[in-house]
Amino acid sequence: TLMRSVLPEDSVICRTGGDEFVAFLPNVDEARVNH
């Protein structure tokens, strides 16, 4: 819920393990992802 509330709408969030996740943010550069 935290990630969905903050990350862009077209982000792809994958649960890769028990409590592990990888989120893909297309068209997001380094400065924006750090923000």
Full PDB file with SEQRES, HELIX, SHEET, SSBOND, CRYST1, ORIGX, SCALE, CONECT and MASTER records, all heavy atoms in Angstrom:
SEQRES   1 A   35  THR LEU MET ARG SER VAL LEU PRO GLU ASP SER VAL ILE          
SEQRES   2 A   35  CYS ARG THR GLY GLY ASP GLU PHE VAL ALA PHE LEU PRO          
SEQRES   3 A   35  ASN VAL ASP GLU ALA ARG VAL ASN HIS                          
HELIX    1 AA1 LEU A    2  VAL A    6  1                                   5    
HELIX    2 AA2 GLU A   30  ASN A   34  1                                   5    
SHEET    1 AA1 2 VAL A  12  ARG A  15  0                                        
SHEET    2 AA1 2 PHE A  21  PHE A  24 -1                                        
CRYST1    1.000    1.000    1.000  90.00  90.00  90.00 P 1           1          
ORIGX1      1.000000  0.000000  0.000000        0.00000                         
ORIGX2      0.000000  1.000000  0.000000        0.00000                         
ORIGX3      0.000000  0.000000  1.000000        0.00000                         
SCALE1      1.000000  0.000000  0.000000        0.00000                         
SCALE2      0.000000  1.000000  0.000000        0.00000                         
SCALE3      0.000000  0.000000  1.000000        0.00000                         
ATOM      1  N   THR A   1       0.838  -1.211   0.000  1.00  0.00           N  
ATOM      2  CA  THR A   1       0.000   0.000   0.000  1.00  0.00           C  
ATOM      3  C   THR A   1       0.867   1.252   0.000  1.00  0.00           C  
ATOM      4  O   THR A   1       0.567   2.230  -0.695  1.00  0.00           O  
ATOM      5  CB  THR A   1      -0.931  -0.007   1.225  1.00  0.00           C  
ATOM      6  OG1 THR A   1      -1.744  -1.180   1.206  1.00  0.00           O  
ATOM      7  CG2 THR A   1      -1.819   1.225   1.235  1.00  0.00           C  
ATOM      8  N   LEU A   2       1.938   1.226   0.780  1.00  0.00           N  
ATOM      9  CA  LEU A   2       2.863   2.363   0.809  1.00  0.00           C  
ATOM     10  C   LEU A   2       3.445   2.615  -0.581  1.00  0.00           C  
ATOM     11  O   LEU A   2       3.445   3.750  -1.065  1.00  0.00           O  
ATOM     12  CB  LEU A   2       3.984   2.091   1.808  1.00  0.00           C  
ATOM     13  CG  LEU A   2       5.191   3.038   1.752  1.00  0.00           C  
ATOM     14  CD1 LEU A   2       4.776   4.460   2.123  1.00  0.00           C  
ATOM     15  CD2 LEU A   2       6.318   2.528   2.668  1.00  0.00           C  
ATOM     16  N   MET A   3       3.927   1.566  -1.224  1.00  0.00           N  
ATOM     17  CA  MET A   3       4.553   1.746  -2.535  1.00  0.00           C  
ATOM     18  C   MET A   3       3.543   2.229  -3.571  1.00  0.00           C  
ATOM     19  O   MET A   3       3.836   3.113  -4.385  1.00  0.00           O  
ATOM     20  CB  MET A   3       5.213   0.428  -2.971  1.00  0.00           C  
ATOM     21  CG  MET A   3       6.499   0.116  -2.204  1.00  0.00           C  
ATOM     22  SD  MET A   3       7.387  -1.321  -2.844  1.00  0.00           S  
ATOM     23  CE  MET A   3       6.387  -2.650  -2.146  1.00  0.00           C  
ATOM     24  N   ARG A   4       2.346   1.683  -3.554  1.00  0.00           N  
ATOM     25  CA  ARG A   4       1.327   2.099  -4.528  1.00  0.00           C  
ATOM     26  C   ARG A   4       0.901   3.549  -4.342  1.00  0.00           C  
ATOM     27  O   ARG A   4       0.534   4.227  -5.293  1.00  0.00           O  
ATOM     28  CB  ARG A   4       0.110   1.177  -4.417  1.00  0.00           C  
ATOM     29  CG  ARG A   4       0.328  -0.197  -5.068  1.00  0.00           C  
ATOM     30  CD  ARG A   4      -0.865  -1.084  -4.886  1.00  0.00           C  
ATOM     31  NE  ARG A   4      -0.726  -2.326  -5.655  1.00  0.00           N  
ATOM     32  CZ  ARG A   4      -1.404  -3.436  -5.426  1.00  0.00           C  
ATOM     33  NH1 ARG A   4      -2.299  -3.460  -4.417  1.00  0.00           N  
ATOM     34  NH2 ARG A   4      -1.234  -4.501  -6.162  1.00  0.00           N  
ATOM     35  N   SER A   5       0.953   4.021  -3.099  1.00  0.00           N  
ATOM     36  CA  SER A   5       0.537   5.395  -2.829  1.00  0.00           C  
ATOM     37  C   SER A   5       1.577   6.411  -3.261  1.00  0.00           C  
ATOM     38  O   SER A   5       1.256   7.592  -3.449  1.00  0.00           O  
ATOM     39  CB  SER A   5       0.232   5.564  -1.333  1.00  0.00           C  
ATOM     40  OG  SER A   5       1.402   5.408  -0.562  1.00  0.00           O  
ATOM     41  N   VAL A   6       2.816   5.971  -3.450  1.00  0.00           N  
ATOM     42  CA  VAL A   6       3.898   6.899  -3.767  1.00  0.00           C  
ATOM     43  C   VAL A   6       4.392   6.751  -5.212  1.00  0.00           C  
ATOM     44  O   VAL A   6       4.641   7.753  -5.904  1.00  0.00           O  
ATOM     45  CB  VAL A   6       5.084   6.707  -2.797  1.00  0.00           C  
ATOM     46  CG1 VAL A   6       6.283   7.565  -3.216  1.00  0.00           C  
ATOM     47  CG2 VAL A   6       4.664   7.025  -1.368  1.00  0.00           C  
ATOM     48  N   LEU A   7       4.512   5.523  -5.684  1.00  0.00           N  
ATOM     49  CA  LEU A   7       5.108   5.296  -6.999  1.00  0.00           C  
ATOM     50  C   LEU A   7       4.145   5.687  -8.125  1.00  0.00           C  
ATOM     51  O   LEU A   7       2.928   5.692  -7.937  1.00  0.00           O  
ATOM     52  CB  LEU A   7       5.510   3.828  -7.140  1.00  0.00           C  
ATOM     53  CG  LEU A   7       6.521   3.308  -6.101  1.00  0.00           C  
ATOM     54  CD1 LEU A   7       6.911   1.876  -6.410  1.00  0.00           C  
ATOM     55  CD2 LEU A   7       7.751   4.212  -6.033  1.00  0.00           C  
ATOM     56  N   PRO A   8       4.670   6.040  -9.315  1.00  0.00           N  
ATOM     57  CA  PRO A   8       3.809   6.410 -10.448  1.00  0.00           C  
ATOM     58  C   PRO A   8       2.822   5.289 -10.785  1.00  0.00           C  
ATOM     59  O   PRO A   8       3.080   4.109 -10.529  1.00  0.00           O  
ATOM     60  CB  PRO A   8       4.814   6.626 -11.585  1.00  0.00           C  
ATOM     61  CG  PRO A   8       6.098   6.953 -10.905  1.00  0.00           C  
ATOM     62  CD  PRO A   8       6.109   6.165  -9.636  1.00  0.00           C  
ATOM     63  N   GLU A   9       1.706   5.697 -11.397  1.00  0.00           N  
ATOM     64  CA  GLU A   9       0.622   4.749 -11.660  1.00  0.00           C  
ATOM     65  C   GLU A   9       1.039   3.622 -12.583  1.00  0.00           C  
ATOM     66  O   GLU A   9       0.540   2.499 -12.478  1.00  0.00           O  
ATOM     67  CB  GLU A   9      -0.569   5.507 -12.263  1.00  0.00           C  
ATOM     68  CG  GLU A   9      -1.822   4.675 -12.398  1.00  0.00           C  
ATOM     69  CD  GLU A   9      -3.003   5.489 -12.874  1.00  0.00           C  
ATOM     70  OE1 GLU A   9      -2.895   6.725 -12.929  1.00  0.00           O  
ATOM     71  OE2 GLU A   9      -4.034   4.886 -13.215  1.00  0.00           O  
ATOM     72  N   ASP A  10       1.949   3.881 -13.520  1.00  0.00           N  
ATOM     73  CA  ASP A  10       2.351   2.840 -14.464  1.00  0.00           C  
ATOM     74  C   ASP A  10       3.504   1.980 -13.945  1.00  0.00           C  
ATOM     75  O   ASP A  10       4.073   1.174 -14.703  1.00  0.00           O  
ATOM     76  CB  ASP A  10       2.725   3.453 -15.811  1.00  0.00           C  
ATOM     77  CG  ASP A  10       3.882   4.444 -15.702  1.00  0.00           C  
ATOM     78  OD1 ASP A  10       4.238   4.827 -14.574  1.00  0.00           O  
ATOM     79  OD2 ASP A  10       4.420   4.838 -16.753  1.00  0.00           O  
ATOM     80  N   SER A  11       3.841   2.129 -12.669  1.00  0.00           N  
ATOM     81  CA  SER A  11       4.884   1.277 -12.078  1.00  0.00           C  
ATOM     82  C   SER A  11       4.394  -0.163 -11.999  1.00  0.00           C  
ATOM     83  O   SER A  11       3.204  -0.426 -11.829  1.00  0.00           O  
ATOM     84  CB  SER A  11       5.252   1.773 -10.676  1.00  0.00           C  
ATOM     85  OG  SER A  11       5.751   3.085 -10.724  1.00  0.00           O  
ATOM     86  N   VAL A  12       5.329  -1.089 -12.116  1.00  0.00           N  
ATOM     87  CA  VAL A  12       5.021  -2.522 -12.034  1.00  0.00           C  
ATOM     88  C   VAL A  12       5.701  -3.070 -10.785  1.00  0.00           C  
ATOM     89  O   VAL A  12       6.932  -3.115 -10.701  1.00  0.00           O  
ATOM     90  CB  VAL A  12       5.510  -3.259 -13.293  1.00  0.00           C  
ATOM     91  CG1 VAL A  12       5.318  -4.763 -13.133  1.00  0.00           C  
ATOM     92  CG2 VAL A  12       4.768  -2.756 -14.521  1.00  0.00           C  
ATOM     93  N   ILE A  13       4.884  -3.457  -9.788  1.00  0.00           N  
ATOM     94  CA  ILE A  13       5.408  -3.947  -8.511  1.00  0.00           C  
ATOM     95  C   ILE A  13       5.259  -5.468  -8.469  1.00  0.00           C  
ATOM     96  O   ILE A  13       4.157  -5.994  -8.646  1.00  0.00           O  
ATOM     97  CB  ILE A  13       4.651  -3.322  -7.318  1.00  0.00           C  
ATOM     98  CG1 ILE A  13       4.720  -1.791  -7.397  1.00  0.00           C  
ATOM     99  CG2 ILE A  13       5.234  -3.817  -5.991  1.00  0.00           C  
ATOM    100  CD1 ILE A  13       3.849  -1.093  -6.359  1.00  0.00           C  
ATOM    101  N   CYS A  14       6.364  -6.163  -8.237  1.00  0.00           N  
ATOM    102  CA  CYS A  14       6.369  -7.629  -8.202  1.00  0.00           C  
ATOM    103  C   CYS A  14       6.829  -8.120  -6.835  1.00  0.00           C  
ATOM    104  O   CYS A  14       7.847  -7.629  -6.308  1.00  0.00           O  
ATOM    105  CB  CYS A  14       7.298  -8.193  -9.277  1.00  0.00           C  
ATOM    106  SG  CYS A  14       6.898  -7.681 -10.967  1.00  0.00           S  
ATOM    107  N   ARG A  15       6.101  -9.057  -6.289  1.00  0.00           N  
ATOM    108  CA  ARG A  15       6.550  -9.719  -5.054  1.00  0.00           C  
ATOM    109  C   ARG A  15       7.433 -10.886  -5.459  1.00  0.00           C  
ATOM    110  O   ARG A  15       6.972 -11.845  -6.077  1.00  0.00           O  
ATOM    111  CB  ARG A  15       5.353 -10.208  -4.243  1.00  0.00           C  
ATOM    112  CG  ARG A  15       5.747 -10.798  -2.887  1.00  0.00           C  
ATOM    113  CD  ARG A  15       4.549 -11.385  -2.180  1.00  0.00           C  
ATOM    114  NE  ARG A  15       4.898 -11.947  -0.882  1.00  0.00           N  
ATOM    115  CZ  ARG A  15       4.127 -12.812  -0.229  1.00  0.00           C  
ATOM    116  NH1 ARG A  15       2.959 -13.200  -0.732  1.00  0.00           N  
ATOM    117  NH2 ARG A  15       4.520 -13.285   0.952  1.00  0.00           N  
ATOM    118  N   THR A  16       8.707 -10.799  -5.116  1.00  0.00           N  
ATOM    119  CA  THR A  16       9.675 -11.805  -5.561  1.00  0.00           C  
ATOM    120  C   THR A  16      10.029 -12.813  -4.482  1.00  0.00           C  
ATOM    121  O   THR A  16      10.726 -13.791  -4.757  1.00  0.00           O  
ATOM    122  CB  THR A  16      10.956 -11.112  -6.041  1.00  0.00           C  
ATOM    123  OG1 THR A  16      11.468 -10.293  -4.981  1.00  0.00           O  
ATOM    124  CG2 THR A  16      10.666 -10.244  -7.252  1.00  0.00           C  
ATOM    125  N   GLY A  17       9.584 -12.565  -3.253  1.00  0.00           N  
ATOM    126  CA  GLY A  17       9.852 -13.486  -2.154  1.00  0.00           C  
ATOM    127  C   GLY A  17       8.862 -13.228  -1.036  1.00  0.00           C  
ATOM    128  O   GLY A  17       7.865 -12.510  -1.224  1.00  0.00           O  
ATOM    129  N   GLY A  18       9.105 -13.776   0.145  1.00  0.00           N  
ATOM    130  CA  GLY A  18       8.172 -13.616   1.252  1.00  0.00           C  
ATOM    131  C   GLY A  18       7.856 -12.171   1.559  1.00  0.00           C  
ATOM    132  O   GLY A  18       6.695 -11.760   1.610  1.00  0.00           O  
ATOM    133  N   ASP A  19       8.884 -11.351   1.779  1.00  0.00           N  
ATOM    134  CA  ASP A  19       8.675  -9.928   2.053  1.00  0.00           C  
ATOM    135  C   ASP A  19       9.567  -9.070   1.172  1.00  0.00           C  
ATOM    136  O   ASP A  19       9.919  -7.947   1.510  1.00  0.00           O  
ATOM    137  CB  ASP A  19       8.955  -9.621   3.530  1.00  0.00           C  
ATOM    138  CG  ASP A  19      10.374  -9.972   3.943  1.00  0.00           C  
ATOM    139  OD1 ASP A  19      11.059 -10.701   3.189  1.00  0.00           O  
ATOM    140  OD2 ASP A  19      10.819  -9.523   5.017  1.00  0.00           O  
ATOM    141  N   GLU A  20       9.896  -9.593  -0.004  1.00  0.00           N  
ATOM    142  CA  GLU A  20      10.796  -8.912  -0.928  1.00  0.00           C  
ATOM    143  C   GLU A  20      10.032  -8.494  -2.188  1.00  0.00           C  
ATOM    144  O   GLU A  20       9.197  -9.247  -2.706  1.00  0.00           O  
ATOM    145  CB  GLU A  20      11.964  -9.820  -1.313  1.00  0.00           C  
ATOM    146  CG  GLU A  20      12.825 -10.229  -0.121  1.00  0.00           C  
ATOM    147  CD  GLU A  20      13.834 -11.309  -0.495  1.00  0.00           C  
ATOM    148  OE1 GLU A  20      13.798 -11.761  -1.660  1.00  0.00           O  
ATOM    149  OE2 GLU A  20      14.627 -11.693   0.377  1.00  0.00           O  
ATOM    150  N   PHE A  21      10.362  -7.301  -2.676  1.00  0.00           N  
ATOM    151  CA  PHE A  21       9.664  -6.747  -3.832  1.00  0.00           C  
ATOM    152  C   PHE A  21      10.655  -6.083  -4.775  1.00  0.00           C  
ATOM    153  O   PHE A  21      11.695  -5.591  -4.355  1.00  0.00           O  
ATOM    154  CB  PHE A  21       8.626  -5.701  -3.394  1.00  0.00           C  
ATOM    155  CG  PHE A  21       7.552  -6.248  -2.501  1.00  0.00           C  
ATOM    156  CD1 PHE A  21       7.731  -6.276  -1.107  1.00  0.00           C  
ATOM    157  CD2 PHE A  21       6.377  -6.739  -3.035  1.00  0.00           C  
ATOM    158  CE1 PHE A  21       6.750  -6.778  -0.282  1.00  0.00           C  
ATOM    159  CE2 PHE A  21       5.376  -7.240  -2.212  1.00  0.00           C  
ATOM    160  CZ  PHE A  21       5.559  -7.258  -0.829  1.00  0.00           C  
ATOM    161  N   VAL A  22      10.292  -6.098  -6.059  1.00  0.00           N  
ATOM    162  CA  VAL A  22      11.008  -5.332  -7.068  1.00  0.00           C  
ATOM    163  C   VAL A  22       9.966  -4.500  -7.815  1.00  0.00           C  
ATOM    164  O   VAL A  22       8.955  -5.028  -8.256  1.00  0.00           O  
ATOM    165  CB  VAL A  22      11.773  -6.224  -8.058  1.00  0.00           C  
ATOM    166  CG1 VAL A  22      12.332  -5.385  -9.214  1.00  0.00           C  
ATOM    167  CG2 VAL A  22      12.909  -6.959  -7.364  1.00  0.00           C  
ATOM    168  N   ALA A  23      10.213  -3.190  -7.930  1.00  0.00           N  
ATOM    169  CA  ALA A  23       9.305  -2.301  -8.650  1.00  0.00           C  
ATOM    170  C   ALA A  23      10.023  -1.720  -9.857  1.00  0.00           C  
ATOM    171  O   ALA A  23      11.157  -1.232  -9.739  1.00  0.00           O  
ATOM    172  CB  ALA A  23       8.806  -1.184  -7.740  1.00  0.00           C  
ATOM    173  N   PHE A  24       9.361  -1.795 -11.025  1.00  0.00           N  
ATOM    174  CA  PHE A  24       9.901  -1.238 -12.262  1.00  0.00           C  
ATOM    175  C   PHE A  24       9.182   0.083 -12.545  1.00  0.00           C  
ATOM    176  O   PHE A  24       7.952   0.134 -12.587  1.00  0.00           O  
ATOM    177  CB  PHE A  24       9.704  -2.205 -13.425  1.00  0.00           C  
ATOM    178  CG  PHE A  24      10.418  -3.511 -13.239  1.00  0.00           C  
ATOM    179  CD1 PHE A  24       9.787  -4.588 -12.624  1.00  0.00           C  
ATOM    180  CD2 PHE A  24      11.727  -3.664 -13.667  1.00  0.00           C  
ATOM    181  CE1 PHE A  24      10.437  -5.804 -12.455  1.00  0.00           C  
ATOM    182  CE2 PHE A  24      12.397  -4.872 -13.500  1.00  0.00           C  
ATOM    183  CZ  PHE A  24      11.749  -5.944 -12.882  1.00  0.00           C  
ATOM    184  N   LEU A  25       9.956   1.148 -12.765  1.00  0.00           N  
ATOM    185  CA  LEU A  25       9.402   2.480 -12.987  1.00  0.00           C  
ATOM    186  C   LEU A  25       9.828   2.981 -14.365  1.00  0.00           C  
ATOM    187  O   LEU A  25      10.920   3.553 -14.528  1.00  0.00           O  
ATOM    188  CB  LEU A  25       9.885   3.459 -11.913  1.00  0.00           C  
ATOM    189  CG  LEU A  25       9.281   3.360 -10.497  1.00  0.00           C  
ATOM    190  CD1 LEU A  25       9.617   2.040  -9.826  1.00  0.00           C  
ATOM    191  CD2 LEU A  25       9.760   4.529  -9.650  1.00  0.00           C  
ATOM    192  N   PRO A  26       9.016   2.723 -15.411  1.00  0.00           N  
ATOM    193  CA  PRO A  26       9.392   3.169 -16.758  1.00  0.00           C  
ATOM    194  C   PRO A  26       9.390   4.690 -16.865  1.00  0.00           C  
ATOM    195  O   PRO A  26       8.576   5.378 -16.244  1.00  0.00           O  
ATOM    196  CB  PRO A  26       8.304   2.553 -17.649  1.00  0.00           C  
ATOM    197  CG  PRO A  26       7.150   2.297 -16.733  1.00  0.00           C  
ATOM    198  CD  PRO A  26       7.738   1.992 -15.397  1.00  0.00           C  
ATOM    199  N   ASN A  27      10.346   5.206 -17.629  1.00  0.00           N  
ATOM    200  CA  ASN A  27      10.475   6.650 -17.900  1.00  0.00           C  
ATOM    201  C   ASN A  27      10.693   7.470 -16.623  1.00  0.00           C  
ATOM    202  O   ASN A  27      10.231   8.600 -16.517  1.00  0.00           O  
ATOM    203  CB  ASN A  27       9.251   7.165 -18.660  1.00  0.00           C  
ATOM    204  CG  ASN A  27       9.042   6.438 -19.979  1.00  0.00           C  
ATOM    205  OD1 ASN A  27       9.912   6.447 -20.837  1.00  0.00           O  
ATOM    206  ND2 ASN A  27       7.893   5.784 -20.126  1.00  0.00           N  
ATOM    207  N   VAL A  28      11.400   6.876 -15.662  1.00  0.00           N  
ATOM    208  CA  VAL A  28      11.766   7.567 -14.420  1.00  0.00           C  
ATOM    209  C   VAL A  28      13.300   7.586 -14.331  1.00  0.00           C  
ATOM    210  O   VAL A  28      13.932   6.531 -14.323  1.00  0.00           O  
ATOM    211  CB  VAL A  28      11.161   6.875 -13.187  1.00  0.00           C  
ATOM    212  CG1 VAL A  28      11.720   7.491 -11.899  1.00  0.00           C  
ATOM    213  CG2 VAL A  28       9.638   6.985 -13.223  1.00  0.00           C  
ATOM    214  N   ASP A  29      13.873   8.784 -14.271  1.00  0.00           N  
ATOM    215  CA  ASP A  29      15.328   8.881 -14.236  1.00  0.00           C  
ATOM    216  C   ASP A  29      15.860   8.779 -12.807  1.00  0.00           C  
ATOM    217  O   ASP A  29      15.095   8.654 -11.836  1.00  0.00           O  
ATOM    218  CB  ASP A  29      15.803  10.167 -14.911  1.00  0.00           C  
ATOM    219  CG  ASP A  29      15.240  11.425 -14.252  1.00  0.00           C  
ATOM    220  OD1 ASP A  29      14.812  11.350 -13.076  1.00  0.00           O  
ATOM    221  OD2 ASP A  29      15.225  12.476 -14.912  1.00  0.00           O  
ATOM    222  N   GLU A  30      17.172   8.887 -12.670  1.00  0.00           N  
ATOM    223  CA  GLU A  30      17.819   8.686 -11.370  1.00  0.00           C  
ATOM    224  C   GLU A  30      17.406   9.743 -10.358  1.00  0.00           C  
ATOM    225  O   GLU A  30      17.129   9.428  -9.185  1.00  0.00           O  
ATOM    226  CB  GLU A  30      19.338   8.683 -11.555  1.00  0.00           C  
ATOM    227  CG  GLU A  30      20.099   8.381 -10.268  1.00  0.00           C  
ATOM    228  CD  GLU A  30      21.599   8.259 -10.487  1.00  0.00           C  
ATOM    229  OE1 GLU A  30      22.044   8.450 -11.643  1.00  0.00           O  
ATOM    230  OE2 GLU A  30      22.320   7.980  -9.514  1.00  0.00           O  
ATOM    231  N   ALA A  31      17.325  10.981 -10.776  1.00  0.00           N  
ATOM    232  CA  ALA A  31      16.964  12.055  -9.846  1.00  0.00           C  
ATOM    233  C   ALA A  31      15.547  11.850  -9.309  1.00  0.00           C  
ATOM    234  O   ALA A  31      15.295  12.015  -8.106  1.00  0.00           O  
ATOM    235  CB  ALA A  31      17.070  13.412 -10.551  1.00  0.00           C  
ATOM    236  N   ARG A  32      14.656  11.467 -10.184  1.00  0.00           N  
ATOM    237  CA  ARG A  32      13.268  11.306  -9.741  1.00  0.00           C  
ATOM    238  C   ARG A  32      13.117  10.093  -8.835  1.00  0.00           C  
ATOM    239  O   ARG A  32      12.392  10.145  -7.837  1.00  0.00           O  
ATOM    240  CB  ARG A  32      12.349  11.178 -10.946  1.00  0.00           C  
ATOM    241  CG  ARG A  32      10.864  11.188 -10.546  1.00  0.00           C  
ATOM    242  CD  ARG A  32       9.947  11.061 -11.725  1.00  0.00           C  
ATOM    243  NE  ARG A  32       8.568  10.978 -11.308  1.00  0.00           N  
ATOM    244  CZ  ARG A  32       7.580  10.538 -12.071  1.00  0.00           C  
ATOM    245  NH1 ARG A  32       7.834  10.119 -13.312  1.00  0.00           N  
ATOM    246  NH2 ARG A  32       6.344  10.490 -11.613  1.00  0.00           N  
ATOM    247  N   VAL A  33      13.786   8.985  -9.150  1.00  0.00           N  
ATOM    248  CA  VAL A  33      13.621   7.800  -8.310  1.00  0.00           C  
ATOM    249  C   VAL A  33      14.201   8.047  -6.919  1.00  0.00           C  
ATOM    250  O   VAL A  33      13.655   7.575  -5.906  1.00  0.00           O  
ATOM    251  CB  VAL A  33      14.248   6.554  -8.977  1.00  0.00           C  
ATOM    252  CG1 VAL A  33      15.769   6.564  -8.911  1.00  0.00           C  
ATOM    253  CG2 VAL A  33      13.718   5.275  -8.300  1.00  0.00           C  
ATOM    254  N   ASN A  34      15.291   8.819  -6.829  1.00  0.00           N  
ATOM    255  CA  ASN A  34      15.842   9.134  -5.513  1.00  0.00           C  
ATOM    256  C   ASN A  34      14.884  10.013  -4.707  1.00  0.00           C  
ATOM    257  O   ASN A  34      14.760   9.864  -3.480  1.00  0.00           O  
ATOM    258  CB  ASN A  34      17.194   9.834  -5.666  1.00  0.00           C  
ATOM    259  CG  ASN A  34      18.291   8.877  -6.108  1.00  0.00           C  
ATOM    260  OD1 ASN A  34      18.212   7.673  -5.838  1.00  0.00           O  
ATOM    261  ND2 ASN A  34      19.292   9.387  -6.809  1.00  0.00           N  
ATOM    262  N   HIS A  35      14.184  10.890  -5.404  1.00  0.00           N  
ATOM    263  CA  HIS A  35      13.175  11.711  -4.732  1.00  0.00           C  
ATOM    264  C   HIS A  35      12.031  10.825  -4.222  1.00  0.00           C  
ATOM    265  O   HIS A  35      11.527  11.025  -3.098  1.00  0.00           O  
ATOM    266  CB  HIS A  35      12.647  12.764  -5.714  1.00  0.00           C  
ATOM    267  CG  HIS A  35      11.547  13.618  -5.149  1.00  0.00           C  
ATOM    268  ND1 HIS A  35      11.753  14.487  -4.089  1.00  0.00           N  
ATOM    269  CD2 HIS A  35      10.218  13.729  -5.481  1.00  0.00           C  
ATOM    270  CE1 HIS A  35      10.610  15.100  -3.800  1.00  0.00           C  
ATOM    271  NE2 HIS A  35       9.670  14.650  -4.626  1.00  0.00           N  
TER     272      HIS A  35                                                      
MASTER        0    0    0    2    2    0    0    6  271    1    0    3          
END                                                                             
